[in-house]
Amino acid sequence: MCEPVSESNFGSMLEAKEPVQSVLPTFEVKLTTPGYILDGQVAVDITVSARYVFDKPVRGVFYAKVGVLGFDGEIDIKLKKSGQMLATGLGHFRINMEDLGENWFAESEGRRLYLEVSVLESASGRSGNVSDISTKFVQSPYQFKWDRTVRWFKKGLPYEIKVDLAYPNGKAASRVNVEVSATGIMNDGQEQVLFGEQRQNGENRPTLSTTNNRGQVNFRIYVPSDCQTIQIQVKFKHLEQIVGNMPNLCFIALKETKLQTVGNKWEGACSTPSR
């Protein structure tokens, strides 16, 4: 026989629940900015991207604040921009450098461009925000490191120059043409141009190359047996800097050369070993 269903059991089976509220889809806002701003630059273009989590474009309007982030962390807002988000989910605006002030570069060098952007979705009125401080005001579009380069050389043997190239925001500078030249100071004080190490066919290895996807480039030069010091010069497109003097370790008792800046040069600072 079937057991009758009690009221209490029946009531629990019909327990009421609150209606589930629908959640509007969220979206993400991103900025595409230049890696650096150079002296004499006229303007920079900024792209705003807004897409839903399911990768559909957001329609609406954007509002942007443009300023300069100081060394002390303070933000100086210079101007405001606004515009429409296109059907592609993209918006664009241009910053004219003169709008940052008459002496904008002198006042901003070494500091960062500050961007704060809000996108207001037209369908629901919801907003998404993003800020960016990745763009720096700099004199040079590249930064280089010599951590992989040994700070000495052996007379009569090849010497390898290893350079790591990056943009001011720290990202690796790939596919950049780099040329290296080296001058040796001989025992008699005369200067001599040093060429790339010779291949088996007698040709010198090229001293012009392109950085890889990690921003790295290597060169090998031949060092004469009567060479005391090497001065290395690296050239980029429209950019030239002298970056190092490498004294021969035979004269500094295998001590690492410490580099110090003298004007726009890097010079080796080492001491003669005691005997």
C-alpha atoms as a PDB file:
ATOM      1  CA  MET A   1       0.000   0.000   0.000  1.00  0.00           C
ATOM      2  CA  CYS A   2       1.121   3.487  -0.665  1.00  0.00           C
ATOM      3  CA  GLU A   3       1.765   5.662   2.327  1.00  0.00           C
ATOM      4  CA  PRO A   4      -0.113   8.945   2.170  1.00  0.00           C
ATOM      5  CA  VAL A   5       1.903  12.063   1.703  1.00  0.00           C
ATOM      6  CA  SER A   6       1.735  14.329   4.760  1.00  0.00           C
ATOM      7  CA  GLU A   7       1.106  18.037   4.505  1.00  0.00           C
ATOM      8  CA  SER A   8       4.506  18.811   5.942  1.00  0.00           C
ATOM      9  CA  ASN A   9       6.259  16.678   3.339  1.00  0.00           C
ATOM     10  CA  PHE A  10       4.153  18.133   0.567  1.00  0.00           C
ATOM     11  CA  GLY A  11       4.861  21.621   1.775  1.00  0.00           C
ATOM     12  CA  SER A  12       8.617  21.062   1.733  1.00  0.00           C
ATOM     13  CA  MET A  13       8.391  19.839  -1.819  1.00  0.00           C
ATOM     14  CA  LEU A  14       6.823  23.171  -2.820  1.00  0.00           C
ATOM     15  CA  GLU A  15       9.372  25.365  -1.025  1.00  0.00           C
ATOM     16  CA  ALA A  16       9.370  28.783  -2.628  1.00  0.00           C
ATOM     17  CA  LYS A  17      12.648  30.357  -3.875  1.00  0.00           C
ATOM     18  CA  GLU A  18      13.491  33.948  -4.710  1.00  0.00           C
ATOM     19  CA  PRO A  19      13.629  34.657  -8.439  1.00  0.00           C
ATOM     20  CA  VAL A  20      17.148  34.651  -9.877  1.00  0.00           C
ATOM     21  CA  GLN A  21      18.180  38.066 -11.098  1.00  0.00           C
ATOM     22  CA  SER A  22      19.830  38.206 -14.495  1.00  0.00           C
ATOM     23  CA  VAL A  23      23.462  39.404 -14.455  1.00  0.00           C
ATOM     24  CA  LEU A  24      24.515  41.742 -17.209  1.00  0.00           C
ATOM     25  CA  PRO A  25      27.659  40.642 -19.043  1.00  0.00           C
ATOM     26  CA  THR A  26      30.844  42.422 -17.958  1.00  0.00           C
ATOM     27  CA  PHE A  27      33.492  43.806 -20.258  1.00  0.00           C
ATOM     28  CA  GLU A  28      37.194  44.632 -20.166  1.00  0.00           C
ATOM     29  CA  VAL A  29      38.855  47.863 -21.253  1.00  0.00           C
ATOM     30  CA  LYS A  30      42.412  47.938 -22.623  1.00  0.00           C
ATOM     31  CA  LEU A  31      44.702  50.662 -23.982  1.00  0.00           C
ATOM     32  CA  THR A  32      47.251  50.554 -26.769  1.00  0.00           C
ATOM     33  CA  THR A  33      49.943  53.151 -26.084  1.00  0.00           C
ATOM     34  CA  PRO A  34      53.403  54.048 -27.457  1.00  0.00           C
ATOM     35  CA  GLY A  35      56.397  52.656 -25.614  1.00  0.00           C
ATOM     36  CA  TYR A  36      57.998  56.096 -25.322  1.00  0.00           C
ATOM     37  CA  ILE A  37      57.684  59.778 -26.174  1.00  0.00           C
ATOM     38  CA  LEU A  38      60.753  61.570 -27.548  1.00  0.00           C
ATOM     39  CA  ASP A  39      61.785  65.201 -27.486  1.00  0.00           C
ATOM     40  CA  GLY A  40      60.415  67.004 -30.520  1.00  0.00           C
ATOM     41  CA  GLN A  41      57.553  64.560 -31.020  1.00  0.00           C
ATOM     42  CA  VAL A  42      54.389  66.290 -32.236  1.00  0.00           C
ATOM     43  CA  ALA A  43      51.651  63.902 -31.095  1.00  0.00           C
ATOM     44  CA  VAL A  44      50.857  60.355 -29.961  1.00  0.00           C
ATOM     45  CA  ASP A  45      47.816  58.222 -30.785  1.00  0.00           C
ATOM     46  CA  ILE A  46      45.968  56.150 -28.185  1.00  0.00           C
ATOM     47  CA  THR A  47      43.577  53.274 -28.915  1.00  0.00           C
ATOM     48  CA  VAL A  48      40.839  52.206 -26.494  1.00  0.00           C
ATOM     49  CA  SER A  49      39.513  48.645 -26.733  1.00  0.00           C
ATOM     50  CA  ALA A  50      36.399  47.387 -24.928  1.00  0.00           C
ATOM     51  CA  ARG A  51      35.116  43.818 -25.287  1.00  0.00           C
ATOM     52  CA  TYR A  52      32.701  41.618 -23.378  1.00  0.00           C
ATOM     53  CA  VAL A  53      33.947  38.469 -21.669  1.00  0.00           C
ATOM     54  CA  PHE A  54      32.511  36.468 -24.580  1.00  0.00           C
ATOM     55  CA  ASP A  55      34.672  38.558 -26.965  1.00  0.00           C
ATOM     56  CA  LYS A  56      31.991  40.747 -28.487  1.00  0.00           C
ATOM     57  CA  PRO A  57      32.722  44.477 -29.002  1.00  0.00           C
ATOM     58  CA  VAL A  58      31.240  47.081 -26.667  1.00  0.00           C
ATOM     59  CA  ARG A  59      29.368  50.070 -28.089  1.00  0.00           C
ATOM     60  CA  GLY A  60      29.286  53.322 -26.163  1.00  0.00           C
ATOM     61  CA  VAL A  61      31.439  56.339 -25.378  1.00  0.00           C
ATOM     62  CA  PHE A  62      34.809  56.788 -23.672  1.00  0.00           C
ATOM     63  CA  TYR A  63      36.137  59.531 -21.407  1.00  0.00           C
ATOM     64  CA  ALA A  64      39.896  59.980 -20.937  1.00  0.00           C
ATOM     65  CA  LYS A  65      42.082  61.930 -18.543  1.00  0.00           C
ATOM     66  CA  VAL A  66      45.621  62.687 -19.712  1.00  0.00           C
ATOM     67  CA  GLY A  67      48.398  63.773 -17.374  1.00  0.00           C
ATOM     68  CA  VAL A  68      51.965  63.291 -16.204  1.00  0.00           C
ATOM     69  CA  LEU A  69      53.002  61.015 -13.336  1.00  0.00           C
ATOM     70  CA  GLY A  70      55.771  62.686 -11.344  1.00  0.00           C
ATOM     71  CA  PHE A  71      58.711  61.100  -9.562  1.00  0.00           C
ATOM     72  CA  ASP A  72      56.925  61.608  -6.242  1.00  0.00           C
ATOM     73  CA  GLY A  73      53.847  59.727  -7.444  1.00  0.00           C
ATOM     74  CA  GLU A  74      51.715  62.827  -7.899  1.00  0.00           C
ATOM     75  CA  ILE A  75      49.533  63.040 -11.017  1.00  0.00           C
ATOM     76  CA  ASP A  76      49.211  66.313 -12.901  1.00  0.00           C
ATOM     77  CA  ILE A  77      46.134  66.112 -15.155  1.00  0.00           C
ATOM     78  CA  LYS A  78      46.741  68.178 -18.299  1.00  0.00           C
ATOM     79  CA  LEU A  79      43.661  67.606 -20.457  1.00  0.00           C
ATOM     80  CA  LYS A  80      40.553  65.482 -21.028  1.00  0.00           C
ATOM     81  CA  LYS A  81      39.329  63.672 -24.119  1.00  0.00           C
ATOM     82  CA  SER A  82      36.155  61.851 -25.145  1.00  0.00           C
ATOM     83  CA  GLY A  83      34.843  59.969 -28.145  1.00  0.00           C
ATOM     84  CA  GLN A  84      32.652  57.216 -29.535  1.00  0.00           C
ATOM     85  CA  MET A  85      33.396  53.493 -29.354  1.00  0.00           C
ATOM     86  CA  LEU A  86      33.046  52.105 -32.877  1.00  0.00           C
ATOM     87  CA  ALA A  87      31.214  48.936 -33.891  1.00  0.00           C
ATOM     88  CA  THR A  88      34.571  47.151 -33.661  1.00  0.00           C
ATOM     89  CA  GLY A  89      34.799  47.954 -29.958  1.00  0.00           C
ATOM     90  CA  LEU A  90      37.628  50.432 -30.584  1.00  0.00           C
ATOM     91  CA  GLY A  91      37.965  54.120 -29.856  1.00  0.00           C
ATOM     92  CA  HIS A  92      40.799  56.467 -30.790  1.00  0.00           C
ATOM     93  CA  PHE A  93      42.155  59.796 -29.621  1.00  0.00           C
ATOM     94  CA  ARG A  94      45.274  61.873 -30.237  1.00  0.00           C
ATOM     95  CA  ILE A  95      47.376  63.743 -27.696  1.00  0.00           C
ATOM     96  CA  ASN A  96      49.111  66.816 -29.105  1.00  0.00           C
ATOM     97  CA  MET A  97      52.286  67.364 -27.145  1.00  0.00           C
ATOM     98  CA  GLU A  98      51.849  71.128 -27.107  1.00  0.00           C
ATOM     99  CA  ASP A  99      48.693  70.579 -25.029  1.00  0.00           C
ATOM    100  CA  LEU A 100      50.926  69.322 -22.203  1.00  0.00           C
ATOM    101  CA  GLY A 101      52.575  72.736 -21.919  1.00  0.00           C
ATOM    102  CA  GLU A 102      54.992  75.005 -23.739  1.00  0.00           C
ATOM    103  CA  ASN A 103      58.066  73.287 -22.239  1.00  0.00           C
ATOM    104  CA  TRP A 104      56.395  69.880 -22.057  1.00  0.00           C
ATOM    105  CA  PHE A 105      59.483  67.716 -22.636  1.00  0.00           C
ATOM    106  CA  ALA A 106      61.826  69.595 -20.297  1.00  0.00           C
ATOM    107  CA  GLU A 107      59.182  69.385 -17.573  1.00  0.00           C
ATOM    108  CA  SER A 108      58.305  65.721 -18.241  1.00  0.00           C
ATOM    109  CA  GLU A 109      61.626  64.048 -19.142  1.00  0.00           C
ATOM    110  CA  GLY A 110      62.087  60.812 -17.197  1.00  0.00           C
ATOM    111  CA  ARG A 111      58.480  60.865 -16.025  1.00  0.00           C
ATOM    112  CA  ARG A 112      55.517  58.830 -17.280  1.00  0.00           C
ATOM    113  CA  LEU A 113      52.416  59.638 -19.268  1.00  0.00           C
ATOM    114  CA  TYR A 114      49.314  59.032 -17.135  1.00  0.00           C
ATOM    115  CA  LEU A 115      46.121  57.794 -18.817  1.00  0.00           C
ATOM    116  CA  GLU A 116      42.806  57.073 -17.120  1.00  0.00           C
ATOM    117  CA  VAL A 117      39.974  55.938 -19.394  1.00  0.00           C
ATOM    118  CA  SER A 118      36.328  55.020 -18.682  1.00  0.00           C
ATOM    119  CA  VAL A 119      34.043  53.371 -21.216  1.00  0.00           C
ATOM    120  CA  LEU A 120      30.300  53.854 -20.755  1.00  0.00           C
ATOM    121  CA  GLU A 121      28.260  51.095 -22.380  1.00  0.00           C
ATOM    122  CA  SER A 122      25.278  52.447 -24.313  1.00  0.00           C
ATOM    123  CA  ALA A 123      23.046  49.400 -23.761  1.00  0.00           C
ATOM    124  CA  SER A 124      23.024  49.333 -19.957  1.00  0.00           C
ATOM    125  CA  GLY A 125      24.928  52.395 -18.792  1.00  0.00           C
ATOM    126  CA  ARG A 126      27.553  50.222 -17.119  1.00  0.00           C
ATOM    127  CA  SER A 127      31.141  51.457 -17.147  1.00  0.00           C
ATOM    128  CA  GLY A 128      34.568  49.890 -17.334  1.00  0.00           C
ATOM    129  CA  ASN A 129      37.813  51.597 -16.376  1.00  0.00           C
ATOM    130  CA  VAL A 130      41.521  51.273 -17.061  1.00  0.00           C
ATOM    131  CA  SER A 131      44.655  53.290 -16.304  1.00  0.00           C
ATOM    132  CA  ASP A 132      48.126  53.161 -17.834  1.00  0.00           C
ATOM    133  CA  ILE A 133      51.574  54.533 -16.942  1.00  0.00           C
ATOM    134  CA  SER A 134      53.717  52.461 -19.306  1.00  0.00           C
ATOM    135  CA  THR A 135      54.787  55.343 -21.594  1.00  0.00           C
ATOM    136  CA  LYS A 136      57.899  57.313 -20.593  1.00  0.00           C
ATOM    137  CA  PHE A 137      59.274  60.657 -21.753  1.00  0.00           C
ATOM    138  CA  VAL A 138      62.855  59.832 -22.808  1.00  0.00           C
ATOM    139  CA  GLN A 139      65.745  61.088 -24.929  1.00  0.00           C
ATOM    140  CA  SER A 140      66.458  57.634 -26.382  1.00  0.00           C
ATOM    141  CA  PRO A 141      63.960  55.027 -27.631  1.00  0.00           C
ATOM    142  CA  TYR A 142      66.131  52.188 -26.338  1.00  0.00           C
ATOM    143  CA  GLN A 143      67.810  51.031 -23.162  1.00  0.00           C
ATOM    144  CA  PHE A 144      70.674  48.581 -23.311  1.00  0.00           C
ATOM    145  CA  LYS A 145      72.324  46.197 -20.879  1.00  0.00           C
ATOM    146  CA  TRP A 146      75.743  44.610 -20.969  1.00  0.00           C
ATOM    147  CA  ASP A 147      75.223  41.961 -18.293  1.00  0.00           C
ATOM    148  CA  ARG A 148      76.047  39.161 -20.742  1.00  0.00           C
ATOM    149  CA  THR A 149      79.256  40.835 -21.966  1.00  0.00           C
ATOM    150  CA  VAL A 150      82.474  39.816 -20.215  1.00  0.00           C
ATOM    151  CA  ARG A 151      84.334  42.904 -18.966  1.00  0.00           C
ATOM    152  CA  TRP A 152      87.745  41.824 -20.246  1.00  0.00           C
ATOM    153  CA  PHE A 153      89.420  40.375 -23.316  1.00  0.00           C
ATOM    154  CA  LYS A 154      92.386  38.171 -24.213  1.00  0.00           C
ATOM    155  CA  LYS A 155      95.057  39.427 -26.574  1.00  0.00           C
ATOM    156  CA  GLY A 156      95.095  37.666 -29.915  1.00  0.00           C
ATOM    157  CA  LEU A 157      91.707  36.003 -29.378  1.00  0.00           C
ATOM    158  CA  PRO A 158      88.146  36.808 -30.495  1.00  0.00           C
ATOM    159  CA  TYR A 159      86.070  38.953 -28.154  1.00  0.00           C
ATOM    160  CA  GLU A 160      82.280  38.584 -28.008  1.00  0.00           C
ATOM    161  CA  ILE A 161      80.045  41.594 -27.499  1.00  0.00           C
ATOM    162  CA  LYS A 162      76.558  40.768 -26.204  1.00  0.00           C
ATOM    163  CA  VAL A 163      73.888  43.460 -26.052  1.00  0.00           C
ATOM    164  CA  ASP A 164      70.348  43.280 -24.636  1.00  0.00           C
ATOM    165  CA  LEU A 165      68.089  45.971 -26.062  1.00  0.00           C
ATOM    166  CA  ALA A 166      64.785  47.077 -24.503  1.00  0.00           C
ATOM    167  CA  TYR A 167      62.271  49.880 -24.793  1.00  0.00           C
ATOM    168  CA  PRO A 168      61.939  52.313 -21.883  1.00  0.00           C
ATOM    169  CA  ASN A 169      58.902  50.367 -20.608  1.00  0.00           C
ATOM    170  CA  GLY A 170      61.093  47.263 -20.229  1.00  0.00           C
ATOM    171  CA  LYS A 171      59.777  45.277 -23.183  1.00  0.00           C
ATOM    172  CA  ALA A 172      62.376  43.596 -25.383  1.00  0.00           C
ATOM    173  CA  ALA A 173      63.198  45.567 -28.536  1.00  0.00           C
ATOM    174  CA  SER A 174      63.069  42.895 -31.220  1.00  0.00           C
ATOM    175  CA  ARG A 175      63.965  43.258 -34.907  1.00  0.00           C
ATOM    176  CA  VAL A 176      66.053  46.395 -34.360  1.00  0.00           C
ATOM    177  CA  ASN A 177      69.061  46.924 -36.629  1.00  0.00           C
ATOM    178  CA  VAL A 178      72.216  47.311 -34.547  1.00  0.00           C
ATOM    179  CA  GLU A 179      75.725  48.056 -35.771  1.00  0.00           C
ATOM    180  CA  VAL A 180      78.830  47.720 -33.638  1.00  0.00           C
ATOM    181  CA  SER A 181      82.277  49.167 -34.238  1.00  0.00           C
ATOM    182  CA  ALA A 182      85.350  48.761 -32.083  1.00  0.00           C
ATOM    183  CA  THR A 183      88.623  50.657 -31.839  1.00  0.00           C
ATOM    184  CA  GLY A 184      91.690  49.181 -30.165  1.00  0.00           C
ATOM    185  CA  ILE A 185      94.350  51.237 -28.382  1.00  0.00           C
ATOM    186  CA  MET A 186      97.685  49.567 -29.147  1.00  0.00           C
ATOM    187  CA  ASN A 187     100.789  49.360 -26.941  1.00  0.00           C
ATOM    188  CA  ASP A 188     102.310  52.347 -28.770  1.00  0.00           C
ATOM    189  CA  GLY A 189      99.175  54.450 -28.137  1.00  0.00           C
ATOM    190  CA  GLN A 190      97.967  54.262 -31.733  1.00  0.00           C
ATOM    191  CA  GLU A 191      94.303  53.555 -32.504  1.00  0.00           C
ATOM    192  CA  GLN A 192      93.303  50.676 -34.768  1.00  0.00           C
ATOM    193  CA  VAL A 193      89.867  49.734 -36.092  1.00  0.00           C
ATOM    194  CA  LEU A 194      88.963  46.199 -35.028  1.00  0.00           C
ATOM    195  CA  PHE A 195      87.033  44.017 -37.448  1.00  0.00           C
ATOM    196  CA  GLY A 196      84.749  41.053 -37.024  1.00  0.00           C
ATOM    197  CA  GLU A 197      86.343  37.687 -36.468  1.00  0.00           C
ATOM    198  CA  GLN A 198      87.301  36.025 -39.739  1.00  0.00           C
ATOM    199  CA  ARG A 199      85.322  33.084 -41.032  1.00  0.00           C
ATOM    200  CA  GLN A 200      86.964  30.027 -42.570  1.00  0.00           C
ATOM    201  CA  ASN A 201      86.575  31.566 -46.049  1.00  0.00           C
ATOM    202  CA  GLY A 202      88.630  34.570 -44.939  1.00  0.00           C
ATOM    203  CA  GLU A 203      85.724  37.032 -44.773  1.00  0.00           C
ATOM    204  CA  ASN A 204      85.120  39.082 -41.640  1.00  0.00           C
ATOM    205  CA  ARG A 205      81.961  38.376 -39.676  1.00  0.00           C
ATOM    206  CA  PRO A 206      79.366  41.171 -40.112  1.00  0.00           C
ATOM    207  CA  THR A 207      79.215  43.949 -37.538  1.00  0.00           C
ATOM    208  CA  LEU A 208      75.591  44.771 -38.464  1.00  0.00           C
ATOM    209  CA  SER A 209      72.842  42.548 -37.144  1.00  0.00           C
ATOM    210  CA  THR A 210      69.237  42.515 -35.919  1.00  0.00           C
ATOM    211  CA  THR A 211      68.031  41.801 -32.395  1.00  0.00           C
ATOM    212  CA  ASN A 212      66.086  38.582 -31.864  1.00  0.00           C
ATOM    213  CA  ASN A 213      62.660  38.297 -30.228  1.00  0.00           C
ATOM    214  CA  ARG A 214      64.306  38.686 -26.799  1.00  0.00           C
ATOM    215  CA  GLY A 215      66.022  41.917 -27.829  1.00  0.00           C
ATOM    216  CA  GLN A 216      69.447  40.257 -27.896  1.00  0.00           C
ATOM    217  CA  VAL A 217      72.258  40.600 -30.405  1.00  0.00           C
ATOM    218  CA  ASN A 218      75.835  39.238 -30.373  1.00  0.00           C
ATOM    219  CA  PHE A 219      78.996  40.255 -32.224  1.00  0.00           C
ATOM    220  CA  ARG A 220      82.523  38.802 -32.332  1.00  0.00           C
ATOM    221  CA  ILE A 221      85.593  40.889 -33.084  1.00  0.00           C
ATOM    222  CA  TYR A 222      89.245  39.916 -33.412  1.00  0.00           C
ATOM    223  CA  VAL A 223      91.645  41.470 -30.864  1.00  0.00           C
ATOM    224  CA  PRO A 224      95.306  41.995 -31.953  1.00  0.00           C
ATOM    225  CA  SER A 225      98.061  40.686 -29.703  1.00  0.00           C
ATOM    226  CA  ASP A 226      99.355  44.215 -28.955  1.00  0.00           C
ATOM    227  CA  CYS A 227      95.970  45.709 -27.966  1.00  0.00           C
ATOM    228  CA  GLN A 228      95.636  47.349 -24.538  1.00  0.00           C
ATOM    229  CA  THR A 229      92.109  48.788 -24.533  1.00  0.00           C
ATOM    230  CA  ILE A 230      88.991  48.422 -26.669  1.00  0.00           C
ATOM    231  CA  GLN A 231      86.466  51.179 -27.196  1.00  0.00           C
ATOM    232  CA  ILE A 232      83.106  49.824 -28.347  1.00  0.00           C
ATOM    233  CA  GLN A 233      80.547  51.896 -30.197  1.00  0.00           C
ATOM    234  CA  VAL A 234      76.967  50.791 -30.876  1.00  0.00           C
ATOM    235  CA  LYS A 235      74.791  52.502 -33.475  1.00  0.00           C
ATOM    236  CA  PHE A 236      71.043  52.255 -33.834  1.00  0.00           C
ATOM    237  CA  LYS A 237      68.953  53.911 -36.507  1.00  0.00           C
ATOM    238  CA  HIS A 238      69.317  57.693 -35.982  1.00  0.00           C
ATOM    239  CA  LEU A 239      71.001  56.975 -32.652  1.00  0.00           C
ATOM    240  CA  GLU A 240      74.633  56.660 -31.643  1.00  0.00           C
ATOM    241  CA  GLN A 241      76.166  56.166 -28.226  1.00  0.00           C
ATOM    242  CA  ILE A 242      79.608  55.204 -26.996  1.00  0.00           C
ATOM    243  CA  VAL A 243      79.025  52.571 -24.377  1.00  0.00           C
ATOM    244  CA  GLY A 244      82.227  51.116 -23.060  1.00  0.00           C
ATOM    245  CA  ASN A 245      85.998  50.954 -22.693  1.00  0.00           C
ATOM    246  CA  MET A 246      87.225  47.448 -21.832  1.00  0.00           C
ATOM    247  CA  PRO A 247      90.759  47.360 -20.394  1.00  0.00           C
ATOM    248  CA  ASN A 248      92.726  44.157 -20.914  1.00  0.00           C
ATOM    249  CA  LEU A 249      92.743  41.962 -17.821  1.00  0.00           C
ATOM    250  CA  CYS A 250      96.422  41.292 -18.357  1.00  0.00           C
ATOM    251  CA  PHE A 251      96.936  44.791 -16.995  1.00  0.00           C
ATOM    252  CA  ILE A 252      94.428  44.688 -14.131  1.00  0.00           C
ATOM    253  CA  ALA A 253      95.200  41.278 -12.637  1.00  0.00           C
ATOM    254  CA  LEU A 254      91.906  39.639 -13.645  1.00  0.00           C
ATOM    255  CA  LYS A 255      89.795  42.129 -11.745  1.00  0.00           C
ATOM    256  CA  GLU A 256      86.418  42.977 -13.193  1.00  0.00           C
ATOM    257  CA  THR A 257      86.223  46.402 -14.793  1.00  0.00           C
ATOM    258  CA  LYS A 258      83.752  48.707 -13.076  1.00  0.00           C
ATOM    259  CA  LEU A 259      82.020  51.072 -15.507  1.00  0.00           C
ATOM    260  CA  GLN A 260      81.325  54.696 -14.723  1.00  0.00           C
ATOM    261  CA  THR A 261      79.800  57.468 -16.804  1.00  0.00           C
ATOM    262  CA  VAL A 262      81.891  60.408 -17.953  1.00  0.00           C
ATOM    263  CA  GLY A 263      79.656  62.783 -19.890  1.00  0.00           C
ATOM    264  CA  ASN A 264      77.953  60.629 -22.512  1.00  0.00           C
ATOM    265  CA  LYS A 265      80.706  57.996 -22.410  1.00  0.00           C
ATOM    266  CA  TRP A 266      81.125  54.867 -20.374  1.00  0.00           C
ATOM    267  CA  GLU A 267      84.713  54.466 -19.253  1.00  0.00           C
ATOM    268  CA  GLY A 268      86.434  51.674 -17.405  1.00  0.00           C
ATOM    269  CA  ALA A 269      87.470  52.503 -13.867  1.00  0.00           C
ATOM    270  CA  CYS A 270      90.144  50.085 -12.735  1.00  0.00           C
ATOM    271  CA  SER A 271      93.318  50.179 -10.692  1.00  0.00           C
ATOM    272  CA  THR A 272      96.775  48.866 -11.506  1.00  0.00           C
ATOM    273  CA  PRO A 273      97.476  45.774  -9.373  1.00  0.00           C
ATOM    274  CA  SER A 274     100.180  45.896  -6.759  1.00  0.00           C
ATOM    275  CA  ARG A 275     103.159  43.699  -7.403  1.00  0.00           C
END
